[in-house]
Amino acid sequence: MADERGNRRITDPQVMRALAHPARIEIMEHLASTGAVITATECARLVGLSPSATSYHLRELAKYGLVEHAPSRGDGRERVWRSTDPSFSLDGDVEEPEAWAAESALVDAYLTRDFARLRQWWAGMHEEPKQWRDASALMNQMLLVTADELSEVSDKIREVLAPYQRRTRLADPPEGARTVAVQYAAFPVDAD
């Protein structure tokens, strides 16, 4: 099932639990953001595991319809994989304890990975070219909005980012382009 933006909606706690593993998150991100097909051996180099371990992770992702076998790249013996969807959204029943626990575990796995990326960037930022240091951003702004206004803000941010999606630009990237992680979170807080 897809949401209004065409993302696959994941509602099943089993699928969320299957995704909530660092290697699987990396595999899914690579496949979805590039549109690539990849072997278990290539995945092993990507995630730092053995080919047999990544083969297991690919089979688990396939069991839940997140990846699938792709047509061979020439050698019929080669097993290649691809993502089934370029993106997904979570839509578990937050009032159901099992679904809430599974969704929380998956979100926590993503946050752990994303904060590690941010810390890694910050630790090595001084070695980056000034142009990239200046172009990067770490922002925190407090807004005063209604739920409808926050939805509008989020939609506009998606719209701004859409033309720069890695998957659509890989075939002909502009000179000097680098893969950039953008994390966006907007949520109510208790404030004075």
N, C-alpha and C. Protein backbone atom coordinates (compact mmCIF):
# COMPACT_ATOMS: atom_id res chain seq x y z
N MET A 1 0.84 -1.17 0.00
CA MET A 1 0.00 0.00 0.00
C MET A 1 0.89 1.24 0.00
N ALA A 2 0.52 2.27 -0.75
CA ALA A 2 1.31 3.49 -0.85
C ALA A 2 0.59 4.65 -0.18
N ASP A 3 1.38 5.61 0.32
CA ASP A 3 0.78 6.80 0.90
C ASP A 3 0.52 7.83 -0.20
N GLU A 4 0.09 9.03 0.18
CA GLU A 4 -0.27 10.05 -0.80
C GLU A 4 0.91 10.54 -1.63
N ARG A 5 2.15 10.29 -1.17
CA ARG A 5 3.34 10.72 -1.93
C ARG A 5 3.94 9.57 -2.74
N GLY A 6 3.28 8.42 -2.74
CA GLY A 6 3.78 7.28 -3.50
C GLY A 6 4.76 6.41 -2.73
N ASN A 7 5.02 6.73 -1.47
CA ASN A 7 5.90 5.89 -0.64
C ASN A 7 5.15 4.63 -0.24
N ARG A 8 5.88 3.55 -0.15
CA ARG A 8 5.28 2.33 0.39
C ARG A 8 5.00 2.57 1.87
N ARG A 9 3.79 2.30 2.30
CA ARG A 9 3.42 2.44 3.71
C ARG A 9 3.67 1.12 4.42
N ILE A 10 4.52 1.14 5.42
CA ILE A 10 4.80 -0.06 6.20
C ILE A 10 3.98 0.00 7.48
N THR A 11 3.07 -0.96 7.62
CA THR A 11 2.20 -1.02 8.79
C THR A 11 2.45 -2.25 9.64
N ASP A 12 3.09 -3.26 9.07
CA ASP A 12 3.28 -4.55 9.73
C ASP A 12 4.48 -4.50 10.69
N PRO A 13 4.27 -4.79 11.98
CA PRO A 13 5.38 -4.79 12.94
C PRO A 13 6.50 -5.77 12.56
N GLN A 14 6.17 -6.88 11.93
CA GLN A 14 7.22 -7.84 11.52
C GLN A 14 8.16 -7.21 10.49
N VAL A 15 7.61 -6.45 9.56
CA VAL A 15 8.43 -5.79 8.55
C VAL A 15 9.32 -4.74 9.22
N MET A 16 8.75 -4.00 10.16
CA MET A 16 9.54 -2.99 10.88
C MET A 16 10.68 -3.65 11.64
N ARG A 17 10.40 -4.77 12.30
CA ARG A 17 11.47 -5.47 13.03
C ARG A 17 12.54 -5.99 12.07
N ALA A 18 12.11 -6.45 10.90
CA ALA A 18 13.08 -6.94 9.91
C ALA A 18 14.00 -5.81 9.45
N LEU A 19 13.49 -4.61 9.37
CA LEU A 19 14.29 -3.46 8.93
C LEU A 19 15.21 -2.93 10.03
N ALA A 20 14.87 -3.14 11.28
CA ALA A 20 15.55 -2.50 12.40
C ALA A 20 16.91 -3.14 12.71
N HIS A 21 17.74 -3.20 11.72
CA HIS A 21 19.10 -3.74 11.87
C HIS A 21 20.03 -2.81 11.09
N PRO A 22 21.14 -2.40 11.67
CA PRO A 22 22.02 -1.44 10.99
C PRO A 22 22.44 -1.84 9.57
N ALA A 23 22.78 -3.10 9.37
CA ALA A 23 23.20 -3.54 8.03
C ALA A 23 22.03 -3.48 7.05
N ARG A 24 20.86 -3.85 7.50
CA ARG A 24 19.70 -3.81 6.61
C ARG A 24 19.32 -2.38 6.27
N ILE A 25 19.44 -1.49 7.22
CA ILE A 25 19.18 -0.08 6.95
C ILE A 25 20.14 0.43 5.89
N GLU A 26 21.42 0.09 6.01
CA GLU A 26 22.41 0.54 5.02
C GLU A 26 22.14 -0.06 3.64
N ILE A 27 21.80 -1.34 3.61
CA ILE A 27 21.48 -2.00 2.34
C ILE A 27 20.28 -1.33 1.69
N MET A 28 19.22 -1.13 2.47
CA MET A 28 18.01 -0.52 1.92
C MET A 28 18.28 0.90 1.44
N GLU A 29 19.04 1.66 2.22
CA GLU A 29 19.32 3.03 1.81
C GLU A 29 20.10 3.05 0.50
N HIS A 30 21.10 2.18 0.38
CA HIS A 30 21.89 2.14 -0.85
C HIS A 30 21.03 1.76 -2.06
N LEU A 31 20.28 0.69 -1.91
CA LEU A 31 19.47 0.23 -3.04
C LEU A 31 18.39 1.24 -3.41
N ALA A 32 17.72 1.81 -2.42
CA ALA A 32 16.63 2.74 -2.72
C ALA A 32 17.15 4.07 -3.24
N SER A 33 18.27 4.54 -2.70
CA SER A 33 18.74 5.87 -3.10
C SER A 33 19.53 5.86 -4.41
N THR A 34 19.94 4.67 -4.86
CA THR A 34 20.70 4.60 -6.11
C THR A 34 19.93 3.92 -7.23
N GLY A 35 18.97 3.07 -6.88
CA GLY A 35 18.29 2.28 -7.89
C GLY A 35 19.18 1.17 -8.43
N ALA A 36 20.29 0.92 -7.74
CA ALA A 36 21.28 -0.06 -8.19
C ALA A 36 20.79 -1.49 -7.97
N VAL A 37 21.43 -2.39 -8.69
CA VAL A 37 21.31 -3.82 -8.40
C VAL A 37 22.67 -4.23 -7.84
N ILE A 38 22.66 -5.16 -6.90
CA ILE A 38 23.88 -5.45 -6.16
C ILE A 38 23.89 -6.91 -5.73
N THR A 39 25.07 -7.49 -5.67
CA THR A 39 25.23 -8.86 -5.19
C THR A 39 25.47 -8.84 -3.68
N ALA A 40 25.37 -10.00 -3.07
CA ALA A 40 25.66 -10.11 -1.64
C ALA A 40 27.12 -9.74 -1.36
N THR A 41 28.02 -10.09 -2.27
CA THR A 41 29.44 -9.74 -2.10
C THR A 41 29.64 -8.23 -2.14
N GLU A 42 28.96 -7.55 -3.07
CA GLU A 42 29.04 -6.09 -3.12
C GLU A 42 28.42 -5.46 -1.88
N CYS A 43 27.34 -6.05 -1.39
CA CYS A 43 26.72 -5.57 -0.15
C CYS A 43 27.68 -5.75 1.03
N ALA A 44 28.43 -6.83 1.02
CA ALA A 44 29.36 -7.10 2.11
C ALA A 44 30.37 -5.96 2.23
N ARG A 45 30.89 -5.52 1.10
CA ARG A 45 31.84 -4.39 1.12
C ARG A 45 31.15 -3.11 1.61
N LEU A 46 29.91 -2.94 1.25
CA LEU A 46 29.14 -1.76 1.62
C LEU A 46 28.90 -1.69 3.13
N VAL A 47 28.56 -2.80 3.74
CA VAL A 47 28.17 -2.79 5.16
C VAL A 47 29.21 -3.39 6.09
N GLY A 48 30.32 -3.88 5.53
CA GLY A 48 31.39 -4.40 6.38
C GLY A 48 31.10 -5.75 7.01
N LEU A 49 30.34 -6.58 6.34
CA LEU A 49 30.04 -7.93 6.81
C LEU A 49 30.50 -8.94 5.77
N SER A 50 30.40 -10.20 6.09
CA SER A 50 30.77 -11.24 5.14
C SER A 50 29.67 -11.38 4.09
N PRO A 51 30.02 -11.91 2.90
CA PRO A 51 28.98 -12.15 1.89
C PRO A 51 27.87 -13.07 2.39
N SER A 52 28.21 -14.07 3.20
CA SER A 52 27.14 -14.96 3.70
C SER A 52 26.21 -14.21 4.65
N ALA A 53 26.75 -13.32 5.47
CA ALA A 53 25.89 -12.53 6.37
C ALA A 53 25.00 -11.59 5.58
N THR A 54 25.55 -10.93 4.57
CA THR A 54 24.71 -10.01 3.78
C THR A 54 23.71 -10.78 2.94
N SER A 55 24.06 -11.98 2.51
CA SER A 55 23.10 -12.81 1.78
C SER A 55 21.91 -13.12 2.69
N TYR A 56 22.19 -13.43 3.94
CA TYR A 56 21.12 -13.68 4.92
C TYR A 56 20.24 -12.44 5.07
N HIS A 57 20.86 -11.27 5.22
CA HIS A 57 20.09 -10.04 5.39
C HIS A 57 19.24 -9.75 4.15
N LEU A 58 19.79 -9.98 2.96
CA LEU A 58 19.03 -9.77 1.73
C LEU A 58 17.83 -10.72 1.66
N ARG A 59 18.04 -11.98 2.04
CA ARG A 59 16.92 -12.93 2.04
C ARG A 59 15.83 -12.52 3.03
N GLU A 60 16.24 -12.01 4.19
CA GLU A 60 15.26 -11.55 5.17
C GLU A 60 14.48 -10.35 4.64
N LEU A 61 15.17 -9.43 4.01
CA LEU A 61 14.48 -8.27 3.42
C LEU A 61 13.54 -8.72 2.30
N ALA A 62 13.96 -9.71 1.53
CA ALA A 62 13.12 -10.24 0.45
C ALA A 62 11.88 -10.93 1.01
N LYS A 63 12.04 -11.60 2.13
CA LYS A 63 10.90 -12.29 2.76
C LYS A 63 9.75 -11.32 3.02
N TYR A 64 10.07 -10.06 3.28
CA TYR A 64 9.05 -9.06 3.57
C TYR A 64 8.80 -8.13 2.40
N GLY A 65 9.29 -8.50 1.21
CA GLY A 65 8.99 -7.75 0.01
C GLY A 65 9.71 -6.41 -0.12
N LEU A 66 10.81 -6.23 0.62
CA LEU A 66 11.54 -4.96 0.58
C LEU A 66 12.61 -4.96 -0.51
N VAL A 67 13.13 -6.12 -0.84
CA VAL A 67 14.05 -6.28 -1.96
C VAL A 67 13.60 -7.50 -2.74
N GLU A 68 14.13 -7.61 -3.95
CA GLU A 68 13.79 -8.75 -4.80
C GLU A 68 14.98 -9.07 -5.69
N HIS A 69 14.96 -10.28 -6.24
CA HIS A 69 15.99 -10.61 -7.22
C HIS A 69 15.78 -9.75 -8.46
N ALA A 70 16.87 -9.26 -9.00
CA ALA A 70 16.83 -8.46 -10.22
C ALA A 70 17.33 -9.33 -11.38
N PRO A 71 17.02 -8.94 -12.60
CA PRO A 71 17.57 -9.67 -13.74
C PRO A 71 19.10 -9.65 -13.69
N SER A 72 19.69 -10.73 -14.10
CA SER A 72 21.15 -10.85 -14.07
C SER A 72 21.80 -9.78 -14.92
N ARG A 73 23.00 -9.39 -14.54
CA ARG A 73 23.76 -8.39 -15.30
C ARG A 73 24.61 -9.05 -16.38
N GLY A 74 24.36 -10.30 -16.66
CA GLY A 74 25.11 -10.96 -17.73
C GLY A 74 25.43 -12.40 -17.39
N ASP A 75 26.02 -12.62 -16.25
CA ASP A 75 26.37 -13.96 -15.82
C ASP A 75 25.15 -14.55 -15.12
N GLY A 76 24.53 -15.53 -15.69
CA GLY A 76 23.32 -16.13 -15.14
C GLY A 76 23.49 -16.70 -13.75
N ARG A 77 24.74 -16.97 -13.35
CA ARG A 77 24.99 -17.51 -12.01
C ARG A 77 24.98 -16.43 -10.94
N GLU A 78 25.15 -15.18 -11.36
CA GLU A 78 25.22 -14.08 -10.42
C GLU A 78 23.82 -13.74 -9.92
N ARG A 79 23.66 -13.67 -8.59
CA ARG A 79 22.37 -13.29 -7.99
C ARG A 79 22.45 -11.84 -7.59
N VAL A 80 21.65 -11.02 -8.24
CA VAL A 80 21.63 -9.60 -7.92
C VAL A 80 20.28 -9.23 -7.32
N TRP A 81 20.31 -8.20 -6.50
CA TRP A 81 19.15 -7.75 -5.76
C TRP A 81 18.88 -6.28 -6.05
N ARG A 82 17.62 -5.89 -5.89
CA ARG A 82 17.24 -4.49 -6.02
C ARG A 82 16.11 -4.21 -5.01
N SER A 83 15.92 -2.93 -4.73
CA SER A 83 14.82 -2.56 -3.83
C SER A 83 13.51 -2.63 -4.62
N THR A 84 12.45 -2.87 -3.90
CA THR A 84 11.13 -2.92 -4.54
C THR A 84 10.47 -1.55 -4.56
N ASP A 85 10.94 -0.63 -3.72
CA ASP A 85 10.37 0.72 -3.64
C ASP A 85 11.49 1.72 -3.40
N PRO A 86 11.41 2.91 -4.01
CA PRO A 86 12.45 3.90 -3.78
C PRO A 86 12.36 4.56 -2.40
N SER A 87 11.22 4.46 -1.73
CA SER A 87 11.09 5.02 -0.39
C SER A 87 9.91 4.38 0.33
N PHE A 88 9.90 4.56 1.63
CA PHE A 88 8.80 4.03 2.41
C PHE A 88 8.52 4.97 3.58
N SER A 89 7.34 4.82 4.13
CA SER A 89 6.97 5.56 5.34
C SER A 89 6.40 4.56 6.34
N LEU A 90 6.52 4.90 7.60
CA LEU A 90 6.01 4.03 8.66
C LEU A 90 4.62 4.49 9.05
N ASP A 91 3.74 3.53 9.23
CA ASP A 91 2.36 3.86 9.57
C ASP A 91 1.78 2.76 10.45
N GLY A 92 2.53 2.43 11.52
CA GLY A 92 2.06 1.42 12.44
C GLY A 92 0.95 1.96 13.33
N ASP A 93 0.20 1.08 13.90
CA ASP A 93 -0.87 1.44 14.83
C ASP A 93 -0.23 1.75 16.18
N VAL A 94 -0.05 3.05 16.48
CA VAL A 94 0.65 3.44 17.70
C VAL A 94 -0.11 3.07 18.97
N GLU A 95 -1.37 2.70 18.83
CA GLU A 95 -2.15 2.27 20.00
C GLU A 95 -1.99 0.77 20.25
N GLU A 96 -1.36 0.06 19.33
CA GLU A 96 -1.10 -1.37 19.47
C GLU A 96 0.31 -1.54 20.00
N PRO A 97 0.50 -2.10 21.20
CA PRO A 97 1.84 -2.18 21.81
C PRO A 97 2.91 -2.84 20.94
N GLU A 98 2.56 -3.93 20.25
CA GLU A 98 3.55 -4.62 19.41
C GLU A 98 3.99 -3.72 18.24
N ALA A 99 3.03 -3.06 17.62
CA ALA A 99 3.35 -2.17 16.50
C ALA A 99 4.17 -0.98 16.99
N TRP A 100 3.79 -0.41 18.12
CA TRP A 100 4.51 0.74 18.66
C TRP A 100 5.96 0.35 19.01
N ALA A 101 6.14 -0.81 19.62
CA ALA A 101 7.50 -1.26 19.97
C ALA A 101 8.35 -1.48 18.72
N ALA A 102 7.77 -2.09 17.69
CA ALA A 102 8.51 -2.35 16.45
C ALA A 102 8.87 -1.04 15.75
N GLU A 103 7.92 -0.13 15.66
CA GLU A 103 8.19 1.15 15.01
C GLU A 103 9.22 1.95 15.80
N SER A 104 9.12 1.92 17.13
CA SER A 104 10.10 2.63 17.97
C SER A 104 11.50 2.07 17.79
N ALA A 105 11.62 0.75 17.71
CA ALA A 105 12.94 0.12 17.50
C ALA A 105 13.53 0.53 16.15
N LEU A 106 12.70 0.57 15.12
CA LEU A 106 13.19 0.96 13.80
C LEU A 106 13.60 2.43 13.77
N VAL A 107 12.78 3.30 14.32
CA VAL A 107 13.13 4.72 14.36
C VAL A 107 14.40 4.93 15.18
N ASP A 108 14.53 4.21 16.29
CA ASP A 108 15.75 4.32 17.10
C ASP A 108 16.98 3.88 16.31
N ALA A 109 16.85 2.83 15.51
CA ALA A 109 17.99 2.38 14.69
C ALA A 109 18.38 3.45 13.67
N TYR A 110 17.39 4.10 13.07
CA TYR A 110 17.69 5.19 12.13
C TYR A 110 18.32 6.38 12.84
N LEU A 111 17.77 6.76 13.99
CA LEU A 111 18.32 7.90 14.71
C LEU A 111 19.76 7.64 15.16
N THR A 112 20.03 6.43 15.62
CA THR A 112 21.39 6.06 16.03
C THR A 112 22.34 6.22 14.85
N ARG A 113 21.95 5.70 13.70
CA ARG A 113 22.78 5.81 12.51
C ARG A 113 22.95 7.27 12.08
N ASP A 114 21.86 8.02 12.08
CA ASP A 114 21.92 9.41 11.62
C ASP A 114 22.76 10.28 12.55
N PHE A 115 22.63 10.09 13.86
CA PHE A 115 23.46 10.87 14.79
C PHE A 115 24.92 10.48 14.69
N ALA A 116 25.20 9.21 14.41
CA ALA A 116 26.59 8.79 14.20
C ALA A 116 27.17 9.48 12.97
N ARG A 117 26.39 9.58 11.91
CA ARG A 117 26.84 10.29 10.70
C ARG A 117 27.12 11.76 11.01
N LEU A 118 26.23 12.38 11.76
CA LEU A 118 26.41 13.79 12.11
C LEU A 118 27.67 13.97 12.95
N ARG A 119 27.87 13.11 13.93
CA ARG A 119 29.07 13.21 14.77
C ARG A 119 30.34 12.99 13.93
N GLN A 120 30.28 12.05 13.00
CA GLN A 120 31.43 11.78 12.13
C GLN A 120 31.74 13.01 11.27
N TRP A 121 30.70 13.63 10.71
CA TRP A 121 30.91 14.85 9.92
C TRP A 121 31.54 15.93 10.81
N TRP A 122 30.98 16.13 11.98
CA TRP A 122 31.47 17.19 12.85
C TRP A 122 32.92 16.95 13.25
N ALA A 123 33.28 15.72 13.53
CA ALA A 123 34.65 15.39 13.94
C ALA A 123 35.65 15.65 12.82
N GLY A 124 35.26 15.46 11.58
CA GLY A 124 36.19 15.64 10.47
C GLY A 124 35.95 16.88 9.65
N MET A 125 35.00 17.71 10.07
CA MET A 125 34.62 18.89 9.29
C MET A 125 35.80 19.82 9.04
N HIS A 126 36.69 19.94 10.00
CA HIS A 126 37.82 20.85 9.85
C HIS A 126 38.75 20.46 8.71
N GLU A 127 38.65 19.20 8.24
CA GLU A 127 39.49 18.74 7.14
C GLU A 127 38.80 18.90 5.78
N GLU A 128 37.54 19.31 5.78
CA GLU A 128 36.77 19.48 4.55
C GLU A 128 37.10 20.83 3.91
N PRO A 129 36.93 20.93 2.60
CA PRO A 129 37.11 22.23 1.94
C PRO A 129 36.13 23.27 2.52
N LYS A 130 36.57 24.51 2.57
CA LYS A 130 35.75 25.60 3.13
C LYS A 130 34.39 25.67 2.44
N GLN A 131 34.35 25.45 1.14
CA GLN A 131 33.09 25.51 0.40
C GLN A 131 32.06 24.52 0.99
N TRP A 132 32.51 23.31 1.33
CA TRP A 132 31.61 22.31 1.91
C TRP A 132 31.28 22.63 3.36
N ARG A 133 32.24 23.17 4.11
CA ARG A 133 31.94 23.58 5.49
C ARG A 133 30.87 24.67 5.49
N ASP A 134 31.02 25.64 4.59
CA ASP A 134 30.06 26.74 4.53
C ASP A 134 28.69 26.30 4.03
N ALA A 135 28.67 25.34 3.14
CA ALA A 135 27.39 24.88 2.56
C ALA A 135 26.61 23.98 3.52
N SER A 136 27.30 23.32 4.44
CA SER A 136 26.64 22.42 5.38
C SER A 136 25.88 23.22 6.43
N ALA A 137 24.88 22.59 7.00
CA ALA A 137 24.06 23.29 7.99
C ALA A 137 23.65 22.37 9.12
N LEU A 138 23.63 22.92 10.29
CA LEU A 138 23.07 22.26 11.47
C LEU A 138 22.19 23.32 12.11
N MET A 139 20.88 23.16 11.99
CA MET A 139 19.95 24.20 12.43
C MET A 139 19.02 23.68 13.50
N ASN A 140 18.58 24.61 14.30
CA ASN A 140 17.52 24.35 15.25
C ASN A 140 16.68 25.61 15.33
N GLN A 141 15.46 25.53 14.93
CA GLN A 141 14.56 26.67 14.97
C GLN A 141 13.28 26.27 15.68
N MET A 142 12.75 27.16 16.46
CA MET A 142 11.48 26.92 17.13
C MET A 142 10.40 27.66 16.36
N LEU A 143 9.38 26.94 15.93
CA LEU A 143 8.27 27.52 15.19
C LEU A 143 7.04 27.54 16.09
N LEU A 144 6.10 28.36 15.76
CA LEU A 144 4.80 28.37 16.42
C LEU A 144 3.76 28.20 15.32
N VAL A 145 3.28 26.97 15.14
CA VAL A 145 2.43 26.62 14.01
C VAL A 145 1.30 25.71 14.44
N THR A 146 0.28 25.65 13.60
CA THR A 146 -0.80 24.67 13.77
C THR A 146 -0.36 23.36 13.13
N ALA A 147 -1.10 22.30 13.36
CA ALA A 147 -0.79 21.01 12.72
C ALA A 147 -0.88 21.14 11.20
N ASP A 148 -1.87 21.87 10.69
CA ASP A 148 -1.99 22.07 9.24
C ASP A 148 -0.80 22.84 8.69
N GLU A 149 -0.35 23.86 9.42
CA GLU A 149 0.80 24.64 8.97
C GLU A 149 2.07 23.79 8.98
N LEU A 150 2.23 22.94 10.00
CA LEU A 150 3.40 22.08 10.05
C LEU A 150 3.38 21.09 8.88
N SER A 151 2.23 20.57 8.54
CA SER A 151 2.11 19.70 7.36
C SER A 151 2.52 20.45 6.11
N GLU A 152 2.10 21.71 6.00
CA GLU A 152 2.46 22.53 4.84
C GLU A 152 3.98 22.75 4.77
N VAL A 153 4.59 23.05 5.92
CA VAL A 153 6.04 23.24 5.96
C VAL A 153 6.75 21.96 5.50
N SER A 154 6.34 20.82 6.03
CA SER A 154 6.96 19.54 5.66
C SER A 154 6.80 19.24 4.18
N ASP A 155 5.61 19.51 3.65
CA ASP A 155 5.39 19.30 2.21
C ASP A 155 6.30 20.19 1.37
N LYS A 156 6.47 21.43 1.79
CA LYS A 156 7.34 22.35 1.05
C LYS A 156 8.80 21.91 1.10
N ILE A 157 9.22 21.39 2.22
CA ILE A 157 10.60 20.89 2.32
C ILE A 157 10.80 19.70 1.40
N ARG A 158 9.84 18.78 1.38
CA ARG A 158 9.92 17.64 0.45
C ARG A 158 10.01 18.13 -0.99
N GLU A 159 9.21 19.14 -1.31
CA GLU A 159 9.18 19.70 -2.66
C GLU A 159 10.53 20.32 -3.03
N VAL A 160 11.14 21.03 -2.10
CA VAL A 160 12.45 21.65 -2.35
C VAL A 160 13.51 20.58 -2.58
N LEU A 161 13.47 19.50 -1.81
CA LEU A 161 14.49 18.46 -1.90
C LEU A 161 14.31 17.52 -3.10
N ALA A 162 13.09 17.36 -3.58
CA ALA A 162 12.79 16.38 -4.63
C ALA A 162 13.71 16.44 -5.85
N PRO A 163 14.03 17.60 -6.41
CA PRO A 163 14.87 17.62 -7.61
C PRO A 163 16.31 17.15 -7.38
N TYR A 164 16.71 17.06 -6.13
CA TYR A 164 18.10 16.70 -5.81
C TYR A 164 18.26 15.26 -5.33
N GLN A 165 17.20 14.45 -5.42
CA GLN A 165 17.27 13.07 -4.95
C GLN A 165 18.40 12.32 -5.65
N ARG A 166 19.19 11.64 -4.86
CA ARG A 166 20.37 10.91 -5.37
C ARG A 166 20.00 9.97 -6.51
N ARG A 167 18.94 9.23 -6.33
CA ARG A 167 18.54 8.20 -7.31
C ARG A 167 18.33 8.79 -8.69
N THR A 168 17.74 9.98 -8.77
CA THR A 168 17.45 10.57 -10.07
C THR A 168 18.62 11.33 -10.65
N ARG A 169 19.64 11.65 -9.85
CA ARG A 169 20.77 12.44 -10.35
C ARG A 169 22.03 11.61 -10.61
N LEU A 170 22.04 10.35 -10.21
CA LEU A 170 23.26 9.54 -10.35
C LEU A 170 23.72 9.38 -11.78
N ALA A 171 22.81 9.32 -12.72
CA ALA A 171 23.19 9.10 -14.12
C ALA A 171 24.01 10.25 -14.68
N ASP A 172 23.75 11.47 -14.23
CA ASP A 172 24.45 12.64 -14.76
C ASP A 172 24.60 13.70 -13.67
N PRO A 173 25.41 13.41 -12.64
CA PRO A 173 25.54 14.37 -11.54
C PRO A 173 26.34 15.60 -11.96
N PRO A 174 26.02 16.75 -11.38
CA PRO A 174 26.81 17.94 -11.68
C PRO A 174 28.24 17.78 -11.15
N GLU A 175 29.17 18.44 -11.79
CA GLU A 175 30.57 18.36 -11.37
C GLU A 175 30.69 18.81 -9.92
N GLY A 176 31.41 18.03 -9.13
CA GLY A 176 31.65 18.36 -7.73
C GLY A 176 30.56 17.91 -6.78
N ALA A 177 29.53 17.23 -7.31
CA ALA A 177 28.43 16.79 -6.45
C ALA A 177 28.90 15.69 -5.51
N ARG A 178 28.40 15.71 -4.30
CA ARG A 178 28.66 14.68 -3.30
C ARG A 178 27.33 14.21 -2.73
N THR A 179 27.30 13.00 -2.23
CA THR A 179 26.11 12.53 -1.53
C THR A 179 26.03 13.26 -0.20
N VAL A 180 24.87 13.80 0.08
CA VAL A 180 24.65 14.58 1.30
C VAL A 180 23.45 13.99 2.04
N ALA A 181 23.59 13.78 3.34
CA ALA A 181 22.48 13.30 4.16
C ALA A 181 21.71 14.51 4.68
N VAL A 182 20.41 14.48 4.51
CA VAL A 182 19.54 15.53 5.05
C VAL A 182 18.57 14.85 6.00
N GLN A 183 18.62 15.24 7.24
CA GLN A 183 17.64 14.75 8.22
C GLN A 183 16.72 15.91 8.56
N TYR A 184 15.46 15.63 8.60
CA TYR A 184 14.47 16.65 8.93
C TYR A 184 13.54 16.07 9.96
N ALA A 185 13.37 16.77 11.04
CA ALA A 185 12.41 16.36 12.06
C ALA A 185 11.65 17.59 12.50
N ALA A 186 10.37 17.49 12.61
CA ALA A 186 9.54 18.59 13.07
C ALA A 186 8.46 17.99 13.96
N PHE A 187 8.42 18.43 15.21
CA PHE A 187 7.51 17.83 16.17
C PHE A 187 7.24 18.82 17.29
N PRO A 188 6.07 18.72 17.93
CA PRO A 188 5.75 19.63 19.03
C PRO A 188 6.63 19.37 20.25
N VAL A 189 6.97 20.44 20.94
CA VAL A 189 7.71 20.35 22.22
C VAL A 189 6.98 21.21 23.24
N ASP A 190 7.18 20.88 24.48
CA ASP A 190 6.64 21.73 25.54
C ASP A 190 7.60 22.89 25.74
N ALA A 191 7.12 24.09 25.56
CA ALA A 191 7.96 25.27 25.70
C ALA A 191 7.21 26.32 26.51
N ASP A 192 7.96 27.18 27.12
CA ASP A 192 7.36 28.26 27.90
C ASP A 192 6.80 29.33 27.01
